[in-house]
Amino acid sequence: MNDTAKLVERYLATWNITDAAERRAEIDAIWAEDARYVDPLADATGRDAIDATIAAVQQQFPGLVFTPGGEVDAHHNLARFTWNLGPEGGEAIVVGFDVAVLTEDGRIQTVHGFLDQVPAAL
């Protein structure tokens, strides 16, 4: 597994960390200070806003986990990957596709998220 794939693995795992202090430490470790996360339902700039967005998603989907949907495709400072959100070991309720822009020092600068499959209630 290359460094970019490891970073994406850590990024997805961060969405599953429910302990606030542990989650924030991981966000601080892998995201740039002025990072941005944007998808059709959220636009968060800065680590505080990204942390709040992850916490809100966890509240909206309690007990569900993010898992990789396949291999990470990367070149230069870009990575694209799919992910699933669903019960541990169960069928995905939400499926998405993200494109991450990385800094020169290997942190996440921006994530552009797309939702491919969502429940009707969203």
PDB file of N, CA and C in Angstrom:
ATOM      1  N   MET A   1       0.855  -1.177   0.000  1.00  0.00           N
ATOM      2  CA  MET A   1       0.000   0.000   0.000  1.00  0.00           C
ATOM      3  C   MET A   1       0.899   1.237   0.000  1.00  0.00           C
ATOM      4  N   ASN A   2       0.646   2.173  -0.914  1.00  0.00           N
ATOM      5  CA  ASN A   2       1.476   3.371  -0.980  1.00  0.00           C
ATOM      6  C   ASN A   2       1.000   4.417   0.030  1.00  0.00           C
ATOM      7  N   ASP A   3       1.759   5.505   0.145  1.00  0.00           N
ATOM      8  CA  ASP A   3       1.446   6.540   1.134  1.00  0.00           C
ATOM      9  C   ASP A   3       0.075   7.168   0.911  1.00  0.00           C
ATOM     10  N   THR A   4      -0.299   7.382  -0.344  1.00  0.00           N
ATOM     11  CA  THR A   4      -1.597   7.989  -0.628  1.00  0.00           C
ATOM     12  C   THR A   4      -2.726   7.051  -0.225  1.00  0.00           C
ATOM     13  N   ALA A   5      -2.604   5.787  -0.520  1.00  0.00           N
ATOM     14  CA  ALA A   5      -3.629   4.821  -0.124  1.00  0.00           C
ATOM     15  C   ALA A   5      -3.740   4.748   1.395  1.00  0.00           C
ATOM     16  N   LYS A   6      -2.611   4.814   2.103  1.00  0.00           N
ATOM     17  CA  LYS A   6      -2.626   4.816   3.567  1.00  0.00           C
ATOM     18  C   LYS A   6      -3.323   6.060   4.103  1.00  0.00           C
ATOM     19  N   LEU A   7      -3.071   7.210   3.473  1.00  0.00           N
ATOM     20  CA  LEU A   7      -3.720   8.448   3.890  1.00  0.00           C
ATOM     21  C   LEU A   7      -5.231   8.356   3.688  1.00  0.00           C
ATOM     22  N   VAL A   8      -5.655   7.822   2.566  1.00  0.00           N
ATOM     23  CA  VAL A   8      -7.087   7.656   2.308  1.00  0.00           C
ATOM     24  C   VAL A   8      -7.701   6.693   3.324  1.00  0.00           C
ATOM     25  N   GLU A   9      -6.981   5.638   3.662  1.00  0.00           N
ATOM     26  CA  GLU A   9      -7.465   4.697   4.673  1.00  0.00           C
ATOM     27  C   GLU A   9      -7.661   5.414   6.016  1.00  0.00           C
ATOM     28  N   ARG A  10      -6.705   6.250   6.385  1.00  0.00           N
ATOM     29  CA  ARG A  10      -6.821   7.021   7.633  1.00  0.00           C
ATOM     30  C   ARG A  10      -7.974   8.022   7.553  1.00  0.00           C
ATOM     31  N   TYR A  11      -8.122   8.649   6.397  1.00  0.00           N
ATOM     32  CA  TYR A  11      -9.215   9.608   6.189  1.00  0.00           C
ATOM     33  C   TYR A  11     -10.565   8.934   6.415  1.00  0.00           C
ATOM     34  N   LEU A  12     -10.780   7.784   5.784  1.00  0.00           N
ATOM     35  CA  LEU A  12     -12.055   7.077   5.964  1.00  0.00           C
ATOM     36  C   LEU A  12     -12.236   6.621   7.414  1.00  0.00           C
ATOM     37  N   ALA A  13     -11.171   6.146   8.035  1.00  0.00           N
ATOM     38  CA  ALA A  13     -11.250   5.700   9.427  1.00  0.00           C
ATOM     39  C   ALA A  13     -11.635   6.847  10.356  1.00  0.00           C
ATOM     40  N   THR A  14     -11.203   8.054  10.027  1.00  0.00           N
ATOM     41  CA  THR A  14     -11.527   9.218  10.849  1.00  0.00           C
ATOM     42  C   THR A  14     -13.034   9.427  10.948  1.00  0.00           C
ATOM     43  N   TRP A  15     -13.749   9.134   9.874  1.00  0.00           N
ATOM     44  CA  TRP A  15     -15.208   9.293   9.877  1.00  0.00           C
ATOM     45  C   TRP A  15     -15.879   8.296  10.826  1.00  0.00           C
ATOM     46  N   ASN A  16     -15.151   7.280  11.270  1.00  0.00           N
ATOM     47  CA  ASN A  16     -15.700   6.273  12.181  1.00  0.00           C
ATOM     48  C   ASN A  16     -15.311   6.502  13.639  1.00  0.00           C
ATOM     49  N   ILE A  17     -14.438   7.452  13.904  1.00  0.00           N
ATOM     50  CA  ILE A  17     -13.970   7.697  15.270  1.00  0.00           C
ATOM     51  C   ILE A  17     -15.019   8.526  16.011  1.00  0.00           C
ATOM     52  N   THR A  18     -15.625   7.925  17.023  1.00  0.00           N
ATOM     53  CA  THR A  18     -16.677   8.625  17.765  1.00  0.00           C
ATOM     54  C   THR A  18     -16.154   9.366  18.990  1.00  0.00           C
ATOM     55  N   ASP A  19     -14.978   9.014  19.486  1.00  0.00           N
ATOM     56  CA  ASP A  19     -14.372   9.749  20.594  1.00  0.00           C
ATOM     57  C   ASP A  19     -13.881  11.095  20.057  1.00  0.00           C
ATOM     58  N   ALA A  20     -14.419  12.191  20.590  1.00  0.00           N
ATOM     59  CA  ALA A  20     -14.140  13.523  20.047  1.00  0.00           C
ATOM     60  C   ALA A  20     -12.656  13.886  20.078  1.00  0.00           C
ATOM     61  N   ALA A  21     -11.970  13.598  21.170  1.00  0.00           N
ATOM     62  CA  ALA A  21     -10.549  13.950  21.275  1.00  0.00           C
ATOM     63  C   ALA A  21      -9.705  13.123  20.317  1.00  0.00           C
ATOM     64  N   GLU A  22     -10.000  11.839  20.224  1.00  0.00           N
ATOM     65  CA  GLU A  22      -9.260  10.965  19.305  1.00  0.00           C
ATOM     66  C   GLU A  22      -9.492  11.384  17.856  1.00  0.00           C
ATOM     67  N   ARG A  23     -10.752  11.690  17.524  1.00  0.00           N
ATOM     68  CA  ARG A  23     -11.079  12.114  16.153  1.00  0.00           C
ATOM     69  C   ARG A  23     -10.343  13.410  15.814  1.00  0.00           C
ATOM     70  N   ARG A  24     -10.358  14.365  16.735  1.00  0.00           N
ATOM     71  CA  ARG A  24      -9.712  15.646  16.476  1.00  0.00           C
ATOM     72  C   ARG A  24      -8.208  15.478  16.299  1.00  0.00           C
ATOM     73  N   ALA A  25      -7.587  14.616  17.091  1.00  0.00           N
ATOM     74  CA  ALA A  25      -6.150  14.376  16.943  1.00  0.00           C
ATOM     75  C   ALA A  25      -5.840  13.830  15.557  1.00  0.00           C
ATOM     76  N   GLU A  26      -6.673  12.938  15.058  1.00  0.00           N
ATOM     77  CA  GLU A  26      -6.452  12.373  13.718  1.00  0.00           C
ATOM     78  C   GLU A  26      -6.699  13.431  12.638  1.00  0.00           C
ATOM     79  N   ILE A  27      -7.710  14.252  12.816  1.00  0.00           N
ATOM     80  CA  ILE A  27      -7.957  15.345  11.862  1.00  0.00           C
ATOM     81  C   ILE A  27      -6.748  16.270  11.817  1.00  0.00           C
ATOM     82  N   ASP A  28      -6.240  16.645  12.984  1.00  0.00           N
ATOM     83  CA  ASP A  28      -5.064  17.524  13.033  1.00  0.00           C
ATOM     84  C   ASP A  28      -3.850  16.886  12.366  1.00  0.00           C
ATOM     85  N   ALA A  29      -3.749  15.566  12.436  1.00  0.00           N
ATOM     86  CA  ALA A  29      -2.600  14.865  11.870  1.00  0.00           C
ATOM     87  C   ALA A  29      -2.654  14.763  10.348  1.00  0.00           C
ATOM     88  N   ILE A  30      -3.846  14.604   9.780  1.00  0.00           N
ATOM     89  CA  ILE A  30      -3.905  14.297   8.339  1.00  0.00           C
ATOM     90  C   ILE A  30      -4.455  15.427   7.474  1.00  0.00           C
ATOM     91  N   TRP A  31      -5.089  16.435   8.063  1.00  0.00           N
ATOM     92  CA  TRP A  31      -5.648  17.551   7.285  1.00  0.00           C
ATOM     93  C   TRP A  31      -4.762  18.791   7.419  1.00  0.00           C
ATOM     94  N   ALA A  32      -4.627  19.557   6.346  1.00  0.00           N
ATOM     95  CA  ALA A  32      -3.961  20.855   6.401  1.00  0.00           C
ATOM     96  C   ALA A  32      -4.789  21.800   7.274  1.00  0.00           C
ATOM     97  N   GLU A  33      -4.148  22.813   7.843  1.00  0.00           N
ATOM     98  CA  GLU A  33      -4.867  23.744   8.727  1.00  0.00           C
ATOM     99  C   GLU A  33      -6.040  24.416   8.029  1.00  0.00           C
ATOM    100  N   ASP A  34      -5.841  24.823   6.804  1.00  0.00           N
ATOM    101  CA  ASP A  34      -6.881  25.550   6.060  1.00  0.00           C
ATOM    102  C   ASP A  34      -7.643  24.623   5.105  1.00  0.00           C
ATOM    103  N   ALA A  35      -7.727  23.364   5.457  1.00  0.00           N
ATOM    104  CA  ALA A  35      -8.362  22.358   4.595  1.00  0.00           C
ATOM    105  C   ALA A  35      -9.837  22.660   4.378  1.00  0.00           C
ATOM    106  N   ARG A  36     -10.378  22.024   3.333  1.00  0.00           N
ATOM    107  CA  ARG A  36     -11.796  22.183   3.009  1.00  0.00           C
ATOM    108  C   ARG A  36     -12.376  20.837   2.606  1.00  0.00           C
ATOM    109  N   TYR A  37     -13.590  20.574   3.102  1.00  0.00           N
ATOM    110  CA  TYR A  37     -14.370  19.408   2.698  1.00  0.00           C
ATOM    111  C   TYR A  37     -15.664  19.937   2.105  1.00  0.00           C
ATOM    112  N   VAL A  38     -15.999  19.468   0.904  1.00  0.00           N
ATOM    113  CA  VAL A  38     -17.232  19.928   0.259  1.00  0.00           C
ATOM    114  C   VAL A  38     -17.904  18.760  -0.459  1.00  0.00           C
ATOM    115  N   ASP A  39     -19.206  18.619  -0.231  1.00  0.00           N
ATOM    116  CA  ASP A  39     -20.028  17.653  -0.964  1.00  0.00           C
ATOM    117  C   ASP A  39     -21.394  18.303  -1.175  1.00  0.00           C
ATOM    118  N   PRO A  40     -22.357  17.626  -1.775  1.00  0.00           N
ATOM    119  CA  PRO A  40     -23.645  18.259  -2.036  1.00  0.00           C
ATOM    120  C   PRO A  40     -24.399  18.721  -0.780  1.00  0.00           C
ATOM    121  N   LEU A  41     -24.038  18.176   0.393  1.00  0.00           N
ATOM    122  CA  LEU A  41     -24.756  18.505   1.625  1.00  0.00           C
ATOM    123  C   LEU A  41     -23.932  19.306   2.627  1.00  0.00           C
ATOM    124  N   ALA A  42     -22.650  19.498   2.367  1.00  0.00           N
ATOM    125  CA  ALA A  42     -21.784  20.164   3.337  1.00  0.00           C
ATOM    126  C   ALA A  42     -20.695  20.960   2.642  1.00  0.00           C
ATOM    127  N   ASP A  43     -20.267  22.023   3.300  1.00  0.00           N
ATOM    128  CA  ASP A  43     -19.130  22.814   2.848  1.00  0.00           C
ATOM    129  C   ASP A  43     -18.416  23.298   4.098  1.00  0.00           C
ATOM    130  N   ALA A  44     -17.318  22.648   4.442  1.00  0.00           N
ATOM    131  CA  ALA A  44     -16.617  22.921   5.693  1.00  0.00           C
ATOM    132  C   ALA A  44     -15.192  23.351   5.405  1.00  0.00           C
ATOM    133  N   THR A  45     -14.810  24.506   5.931  1.00  0.00           N
ATOM    134  CA  THR A  45     -13.449  24.995   5.771  1.00  0.00           C
ATOM    135  C   THR A  45     -12.796  25.100   7.139  1.00  0.00           C
ATOM    136  N   GLY A  46     -11.621  24.502   7.257  1.00  0.00           N
ATOM    137  CA  GLY A  46     -10.880  24.494   8.508  1.00  0.00           C
ATOM    138  C   GLY A  46     -11.149  23.229   9.296  1.00  0.00           C
ATOM    139  N   ARG A  47     -10.204  22.891  10.141  1.00  0.00           N
ATOM    140  CA  ARG A  47     -10.291  21.642  10.904  1.00  0.00           C
ATOM    141  C   ARG A  47     -11.479  21.615  11.850  1.00  0.00           C
ATOM    142  N   ASP A  48     -11.802  22.757  12.465  1.00  0.00           N
ATOM    143  CA  ASP A  48     -12.960  22.799  13.371  1.00  0.00           C
ATOM    144  C   ASP A  48     -14.236  22.444  12.628  1.00  0.00           C
ATOM    145  N   ALA A  49     -14.417  23.041  11.456  1.00  0.00           N
ATOM    146  CA  ALA A  49     -15.638  22.800  10.667  1.00  0.00           C
ATOM    147  C   ALA A  49     -15.676  21.367  10.140  1.00  0.00           C
ATOM    148  N   ILE A  50     -14.535  20.826   9.753  1.00  0.00           N
ATOM    149  CA  ILE A  50     -14.478  19.436   9.283  1.00  0.00           C
ATOM    150  C   ILE A  50     -14.830  18.494  10.428  1.00  0.00           C
ATOM    151  N   ASP A  51     -14.298  18.753  11.606  1.00  0.00           N
ATOM    152  CA  ASP A  51     -14.612  17.943  12.784  1.00  0.00           C
ATOM    153  C   ASP A  51     -16.110  17.995  13.078  1.00  0.00           C
ATOM    154  N   ALA A  52     -16.690  19.185  13.035  1.00  0.00           N
ATOM    155  CA  ALA A  52     -18.132  19.339  13.281  1.00  0.00           C
ATOM    156  C   ALA A  52     -18.958  18.613  12.230  1.00  0.00           C
ATOM    157  N   THR A  53     -18.510  18.623  10.993  1.00  0.00           N
ATOM    158  CA  THR A  53     -19.216  17.927   9.910  1.00  0.00           C
ATOM    159  C   THR A  53     -19.202  16.421  10.150  1.00  0.00           C
ATOM    160  N   ILE A  54     -18.052  15.882  10.511  1.00  0.00           N
ATOM    161  CA  ILE A  54     -17.964  14.445  10.783  1.00  0.00           C
ATOM    162  C   ILE A  54     -18.862  14.071  11.956  1.00  0.00           C
ATOM    163  N   ALA A  55     -18.842  14.875  13.014  1.00  0.00           N
ATOM    164  CA  ALA A  55     -19.698  14.610  14.183  1.00  0.00           C
ATOM    165  C   ALA A  55     -21.169  14.637  13.787  1.00  0.00           C
ATOM    166  N   ALA A  56     -21.549  15.573  12.918  1.00  0.00           N
ATOM    167  CA  ALA A  56     -22.946  15.669  12.471  1.00  0.00           C
ATOM    168  C   ALA A  56     -23.356  14.448  11.657  1.00  0.00           C
ATOM    169  N   VAL A  57     -22.468  13.966  10.808  1.00  0.00           N
ATOM    170  CA  VAL A  57     -22.756  12.762  10.022  1.00  0.00           C
ATOM    171  C   VAL A  57     -22.921  11.564  10.948  1.00  0.00           C
ATOM    172  N   GLN A  58     -22.074  11.470  11.960  1.00  0.00           N
ATOM    173  CA  GLN A  58     -22.192  10.370  12.923  1.00  0.00           C
ATOM    174  C   GLN A  58     -23.526  10.428  13.662  1.00  0.00           C
ATOM    175  N   GLN A  59     -24.006  11.627  13.981  1.00  0.00           N
ATOM    176  CA  GLN A  59     -25.309  11.769  14.641  1.00  0.00           C
ATOM    177  C   GLN A  59     -26.442  11.375  13.696  1.00  0.00           C
ATOM    178  N   GLN A  60     -26.298  11.738  12.430  1.00  0.00           N
ATOM    179  CA  GLN A  60     -27.334  11.428  11.442  1.00  0.00           C
ATOM    180  C   GLN A  60     -27.401   9.940  11.131  1.00  0.00           C
ATOM    181  N   PHE A  61     -26.262   9.260  11.190  1.00  0.00           N
ATOM    182  CA  PHE A  61     -26.186   7.837  10.849  1.00  0.00           C
ATOM    183  C   PHE A  61     -25.537   7.050  11.987  1.00  0.00           C
ATOM    184  N   PRO A  62     -26.156   7.028  13.165  1.00  0.00           N
ATOM    185  CA  PRO A  62     -25.530   6.358  14.309  1.00  0.00           C
ATOM    186  C   PRO A  62     -25.317   4.865  14.061  1.00  0.00           C
ATOM    187  N   GLY A  63     -24.138   4.405  14.457  1.00  0.00           N
ATOM    188  CA  GLY A  63     -23.826   2.985  14.347  1.00  0.00           C
ATOM    189  C   GLY A  63     -23.371   2.527  12.969  1.00  0.00           C
ATOM    190  N   LEU A  64     -23.429   3.401  11.970  1.00  0.00           N
ATOM    191  CA  LEU A  64     -22.975   3.026  10.629  1.00  0.00           C
ATOM    192  C   LEU A  64     -21.489   3.352  10.492  1.00  0.00           C
ATOM    193  N   VAL A  65     -20.814   2.644   9.593  1.00  0.00           N
ATOM    194  CA  VAL A  65     -19.378   2.841   9.411  1.00  0.00           C
ATOM    195  C   VAL A  65     -19.035   3.067   7.943  1.00  0.00           C
ATOM    196  N   PHE A  66     -17.996   3.854   7.761  1.00  0.00           N
ATOM    197  CA  PHE A  66     -17.448   4.085   6.426  1.00  0.00           C
ATOM    198  C   PHE A  66     -16.422   3.008   6.123  1.00  0.00           C
ATOM    199  N   THR A  67     -16.467   2.461   4.918  1.00  0.00           N
ATOM    200  CA  THR A  67     -15.495   1.480   4.466  1.00  0.00           C
ATOM    201  C   THR A  67     -15.084   1.821   3.037  1.00  0.00           C
ATOM    202  N   PRO A  68     -13.880   1.429   2.635  1.00  0.00           N
ATOM    203  CA  PRO A  68     -13.461   1.674   1.255  1.00  0.00           C
ATOM    204  C   PRO A  68     -14.348   0.901   0.280  1.00  0.00           C
ATOM    205  N   GLY A  69     -14.596   1.499  -0.866  1.00  0.00           N
ATOM    206  CA  GLY A  69     -15.403   0.849  -1.894  1.00  0.00           C
ATOM    207  C   GLY A  69     -14.567   0.229  -2.989  1.00  0.00           C
ATOM    208  N   GLY A  70     -13.262   0.361  -2.900  1.00  0.00           N
ATOM    209  CA  GLY A  70     -12.366  -0.183  -3.921  1.00  0.00           C
ATOM    210  C   GLY A  70     -10.973   0.387  -3.723  1.00  0.00           C
ATOM    211  N   GLU A  71     -10.177   0.255  -4.745  1.00  0.00           N
ATOM    212  CA  GLU A  71      -8.791   0.727  -4.697  1.00  0.00           C
ATOM    213  C   GLU A  71      -8.733   2.247  -4.854  1.00  0.00           C
ATOM    214  N   VAL A  72      -7.678   2.831  -4.332  1.00  0.00           N
ATOM    215  CA  VAL A  72      -7.412   4.261  -4.489  1.00  0.00           C
ATOM    216  C   VAL A  72      -6.667   4.463  -5.804  1.00  0.00           C
ATOM    217  N   ASP A  73      -7.141   5.398  -6.609  1.00  0.00           N
ATOM    218  CA  ASP A  73      -6.482   5.768  -7.861  1.00  0.00           C
ATOM    219  C   ASP A  73      -5.848   7.136  -7.630  1.00  0.00           C
ATOM    220  N   ALA A  74      -4.530   7.232  -7.795  1.00  0.00           N
ATOM    221  CA  ALA A  74      -3.845   8.481  -7.463  1.00  0.00           C
ATOM    222  C   ALA A  74      -2.758   8.816  -8.463  1.00  0.00           C
ATOM    223  N   HIS A  75      -2.542  10.094  -8.639  1.00  0.00           N
ATOM    224  CA  HIS A  75      -1.385  10.602  -9.373  1.00  0.00           C
ATOM    225  C   HIS A  75      -1.121  12.033  -8.921  1.00  0.00           C
ATOM    226  N   HIS A  76       0.124  12.447  -9.030  1.00  0.00           N
ATOM    227  CA  HIS A  76       0.551  13.766  -8.575  1.00  0.00           C
ATOM    228  C   HIS A  76       0.031  14.011  -7.159  1.00  0.00           C
ATOM    229  N   ASN A  77      -0.754  15.054  -6.966  1.00  0.00           N
ATOM    230  CA  ASN A  77      -1.288  15.362  -5.633  1.00  0.00           C
ATOM    231  C   ASN A  77      -2.789  15.088  -5.551  1.00  0.00           C
ATOM    232  N   LEU A  78      -3.281  14.156  -6.360  1.00  0.00           N
ATOM    233  CA  LEU A  78      -4.706  13.839  -6.414  1.00  0.00           C
ATOM    234  C   LEU A  78      -4.959  12.371  -6.107  1.00  0.00           C
ATOM    235  N   ALA A  79      -6.071  12.129  -5.442  1.00  0.00           N
ATOM    236  CA  ALA A  79      -6.499  10.753  -5.187  1.00  0.00           C
ATOM    237  C   ALA A  79      -8.006  10.687  -5.357  1.00  0.00           C
ATOM    238  N   ARG A  80      -8.466   9.635  -6.015  1.00  0.00           N
ATOM    239  CA  ARG A  80      -9.913   9.429  -6.129  1.00  0.00           C
ATOM    240  C   ARG A  80     -10.217   8.031  -5.606  1.00  0.00           C
ATOM    241  N   PHE A  81     -11.386   7.932  -4.956  1.00  0.00           N
ATOM    242  CA  PHE A  81     -11.736   6.666  -4.329  1.00  0.00           C
ATOM    243  C   PHE A  81     -13.219   6.650  -4.018  1.00  0.00           C
ATOM    244  N   THR A  82     -13.754   5.447  -3.930  1.00  0.00           N
ATOM    245  CA  THR A  82     -15.149   5.285  -3.543  1.00  0.00           C
ATOM    246  C   THR A  82     -15.203   4.796  -2.100  1.00  0.00           C
ATOM    247  N   TRP A  83     -16.344   5.009  -1.486  1.00  0.00           N
ATOM    248  CA  TRP A  83     -16.552   4.579  -0.107  1.00  0.00           C
ATOM    249  C   TRP A  83     -18.006   4.158   0.071  1.00  0.00           C
ATOM    250  N   ASN A  84     -18.215   3.391   1.115  1.00  0.00           N
ATOM    251  CA  ASN A  84     -19.560   2.926   1.472  1.00  0.00           C
ATOM    252  C   ASN A  84     -19.844   3.320   2.909  1.00  0.00           C
ATOM    253  N   LEU A  85     -21.104   3.595   3.199  1.00  0.00           N
ATOM    254  CA  LEU A  85     -21.552   3.840   4.559  1.00  0.00           C
ATOM    255  C   LEU A  85     -22.713   2.904   4.842  1.00  0.00           C
ATOM    256  N   GLY A  86     -22.537   2.077   5.859  1.00  0.00           N
ATOM    257  CA  GLY A  86     -23.583   1.123   6.199  1.00  0.00           C
ATOM    258  C   GLY A  86     -23.274   0.429   7.501  1.00  0.00           C
ATOM    259  N   PRO A  87     -24.110  -0.518   7.882  1.00  0.00           N
ATOM    260  CA  PRO A  87     -23.840  -1.273   9.105  1.00  0.00           C
ATOM    261  C   PRO A  87     -22.578  -2.130   8.924  1.00  0.00           C
ATOM    262  N   GLU A  88     -21.852  -2.324  10.010  1.00  0.00           N
ATOM    263  CA  GLU A  88     -20.638  -3.147   9.962  1.00  0.00           C
ATOM    264  C   GLU A  88     -20.952  -4.491   9.321  1.00  0.00           C
ATOM    265  N   GLY A  89     -20.277  -4.811   8.216  1.00  0.00           N
ATOM    266  CA  GLY A  89     -20.461  -6.079   7.527  1.00  0.00           C
ATOM    267  C   GLY A  89     -21.741  -6.175   6.710  1.00  0.00           C
ATOM    268  N   GLY A  90     -22.527  -5.108   6.658  1.00  0.00           N
ATOM    269  CA  GLY A  90     -23.800  -5.136   5.939  1.00  0.00           C
ATOM    270  C   GLY A  90     -23.768  -4.343   4.641  1.00  0.00           C
ATOM    271  N   GLU A  91     -24.903  -4.271   4.018  1.00  0.00           N
ATOM    272  CA  GLU A  91     -25.040  -3.569   2.742  1.00  0.00           C
ATOM    273  C   GLU A  91     -24.982  -2.052   2.939  1.00  0.00           C
ATOM    274  N   ALA A  92     -24.327  -1.375   2.022  1.00  0.00           N
ATOM    275  CA  ALA A  92     -24.181   0.082   2.100  1.00  0.00           C
ATOM    276  C   ALA A  92     -25.530   0.775   1.935  1.00  0.00           C
ATOM    277  N   ILE A  93     -25.744   1.787   2.743  1.00  0.00           N
ATOM    278  CA  ILE A  93     -26.918   2.638   2.632  1.00  0.00           C
ATOM    279  C   ILE A  93     -26.590   3.849   1.764  1.00  0.00           C
ATOM    280  N   VAL A  94     -25.350   4.343   1.921  1.00  0.00           N
ATOM    281  CA  VAL A  94     -24.864   5.474   1.141  1.00  0.00           C
ATOM    282  C   VAL A  94     -23.573   5.036   0.466  1.00  0.00           C
ATOM    283  N   VAL A  95     -23.422   5.428  -0.806  1.00  0.00           N
ATOM    284  CA  VAL A  95     -22.207   5.156  -1.561  1.00  0.00           C
ATOM    285  C   VAL A  95     -21.728   6.482  -2.139  1.00  0.00           C
ATOM    286  N   GLY A  96     -20.446   6.743  -2.000  1.00  0.00           N
ATOM    287  CA  GLY A  96     -19.910   8.003  -2.496  1.00  0.00           C
ATOM    288  C   GLY A  96     -18.587   7.832  -3.211  1.00  0.00           C
ATOM    289  N   PHE A  97     -18.169   8.931  -3.790  1.00  0.00           N
ATOM    290  CA  PHE A  97     -16.943   9.003  -4.577  1.00  0.00           C
ATOM    291  C   PHE A  97     -16.274  10.315  -4.192  1.00  0.00           C
ATOM    292  N   ASP A  98     -15.045  10.262  -3.736  1.00  0.00           N
ATOM    293  CA  ASP A  98     -14.331  11.469  -3.340  1.00  0.00           C
ATOM    294  C   ASP A  98     -13.087  11.666  -4.187  1.00  0.00           C
ATOM    295  N   VAL A  99     -12.717  12.932  -4.345  1.00  0.00           N
ATOM    296  CA  VAL A  99     -11.452  13.312  -4.941  1.00  0.00           C
ATOM    297  C   VAL A  99     -10.737  14.176  -3.917  1.00  0.00           C
ATOM    298  N   ALA A 100      -9.561  13.741  -3.507  1.00  0.00           N
ATOM    299  CA  ALA A 100      -8.775  14.468  -2.518  1.00  0.00           C
ATOM    300  C   ALA A 100      -7.600  15.153  -3.203  1.00  0.00           C
ATOM    301  N   VAL A 101      -7.356  16.396  -2.796  1.00  0.00           N
ATOM    302  CA  VAL A 101      -6.183  17.149  -3.227  1.00  0.00           C
ATOM    303  C   VAL A 101      -5.244  17.193  -2.032  1.00  0.00           C
ATOM    304  N   LEU A 102      -4.004  16.775  -2.251  1.00  0.00           N
ATOM    305  CA  LEU A 102      -3.039  16.657  -1.165  1.00  0.00           C
ATOM    306  C   LEU A 102      -2.010  17.777  -1.201  1.00  0.00           C
ATOM    307  N   THR A 103      -1.500  18.121  -0.028  1.00  0.00           N
ATOM    308  CA  THR A 103      -0.438  19.118   0.071  1.00  0.00           C
ATOM    309  C   THR A 103       0.898  18.466  -0.274  1.00  0.00           C
ATOM    310  N   GLU A 104       1.917  19.284  -0.423  1.00  0.00           N
ATOM    311  CA  GLU A 104       3.250  18.742  -0.728  1.00  0.00           C
ATOM    312  C   GLU A 104       3.775  17.865   0.397  1.00  0.00           C
ATOM    313  N   ASP A 105       3.353  18.131   1.641  1.00  0.00           N
ATOM    314  CA  ASP A 105       3.831  17.321   2.762  1.00  0.00           C
ATOM    315  C   ASP A 105       2.921  16.129   3.056  1.00  0.00           C
ATOM    316  N   GLY A 106       1.970  15.843   2.146  1.00  0.00           N
ATOM    317  CA  GLY A 106       1.175  14.630   2.245  1.00  0.00           C
ATOM    318  C   GLY A 106      -0.049  14.712   3.137  1.00  0.00           C
ATOM    319  N   ARG A 107      -0.545  15.918   3.384  1.00  0.00           N
ATOM    320  CA  ARG A 107      -1.798  16.075   4.132  1.00  0.00           C
ATOM    321  C   ARG A 107      -2.937  16.333   3.154  1.00  0.00           C
ATOM    322  N   ILE A 108      -4.143  16.270   3.665  1.00  0.00           N
ATOM    323  CA  ILE A 108      -5.319  16.542   2.838  1.00  0.00           C
ATOM    324  C   ILE A 108      -5.586  18.043   2.825  1.00  0.00           C
ATOM    325  N   GLN A 109      -5.611  18.619   1.628  1.00  0.00           N
ATOM    326  CA  GLN A 109      -5.939  20.036   1.475  1.00  0.00           C
ATOM    327  C   GLN A 109      -7.435  20.215   1.237  1.00  0.00           C
ATOM    328  N   THR A 110      -7.975  19.421   0.304  1.00  0.00           N
ATOM    329  CA  THR A 110      -9.390  19.536  -0.062  1.00  0.00           C
ATOM    330  C   THR A 110      -9.931  18.165  -0.410  1.00  0.00           C
ATOM    331  N   VAL A 111     -11.167  17.917  -0.021  1.00  0.00           N
ATOM    332  CA  VAL A 111     -11.886  16.735  -0.472  1.00  0.00           C
ATOM    333  C   VAL A 111     -13.153  17.213  -1.161  1.00  0.00           C
ATOM    334  N   HIS A 112     -13.322  16.775  -2.403  1.00  0.00           N
ATOM    335  CA  HIS A 112     -14.532  17.035  -3.174  1.00  0.00           C
ATOM    336  C   HIS A 112     -15.330  15.737  -3.171  1.00  0.00           C
ATOM    337  N   GLY A 113     -16.475  15.742  -2.494  1.00  0.00           N
ATOM    338  CA  GLY A 113     -17.269  14.534  -2.349  1.00  0.00           C
ATOM    339  C   GLY A 113     -18.483  14.512  -3.255  1.00  0.00           C
ATOM    340  N   PHE A 114     -18.803  13.337  -3.742  1.00  0.00           N
ATOM    341  CA  PHE A 114     -19.986  13.118  -4.573  1.00  0.00           C
ATOM    342  C   PHE A 114     -20.782  11.954  -3.976  1.00  0.00           C
ATOM    343  N   LEU A 115     -22.074  12.073  -3.989  1.00  0.00           N
ATOM    344  CA  LEU A 115     -22.943  11.038  -3.449  1.00  0.00           C
ATOM    345  C   LEU A 115     -23.587  10.285  -4.600  1.00  0.00           C
ATOM    346  N   ASP A 116     -23.264   9.005  -4.718  1.00  0.00           N
ATOM    347  CA  ASP A 116     -23.755   8.179  -5.824  1.00  0.00           C
ATOM    348  C   ASP A 116     -25.039   7.453  -5.473  1.00  0.00           C
ATOM    349  N   GLN A 117     -25.200   7.115  -4.210  1.00  0.00           N
ATOM    350  CA  GLN A 117     -26.390   6.397  -3.748  1.00  0.00           C
ATOM    351  C   GLN A 117     -26.743   6.940  -2.367  1.00  0.00           C
ATOM    352  N   VAL A 118     -27.947   7.475  -2.236  1.00  0.00           N
ATOM    353  CA  VAL A 118     -28.384   8.022  -0.941  1.00  0.00           C
ATOM    354  C   VAL A 118     -29.806   7.576  -0.646  1.00  0.00           C
ATOM    355  N   PRO A 119     -30.133   7.475   0.645  1.00  0.00           N
ATOM    356  CA  PRO A 119     -31.513   7.142   0.984  1.00  0.00           C
ATOM    357  C   PRO A 119     -32.448   8.289   0.569  1.00  0.00           C
ATOM    358  N   ALA A 120     -33.687   7.978   0.289  1.00  0.00           N
ATOM    359  CA  ALA A 120     -34.660   8.980  -0.150  1.00  0.00           C
ATOM    360  C   ALA A 120     -34.825  10.088   0.889  1.00  0.00           C
ATOM    361  N   ALA A 121     -34.629   9.782   2.170  1.00  0.00           N
ATOM    362  CA  ALA A 121     -34.839  10.759   3.230  1.00  0.00           C
ATOM    363  C   ALA A 121     -33.768  11.839   3.272  1.00  0.00           C
ATOM    364  N   LEU A 122     -32.652  11.648   2.575  1.00  0.00           N
ATOM    365  CA  LEU A 122     -31.617  12.657   2.553  1.00  0.00           C
ATOM    366  C   LEU A 122     -32.043  13.735   1.627  1.00  0.00           C
TER     367      LEU A 122
END
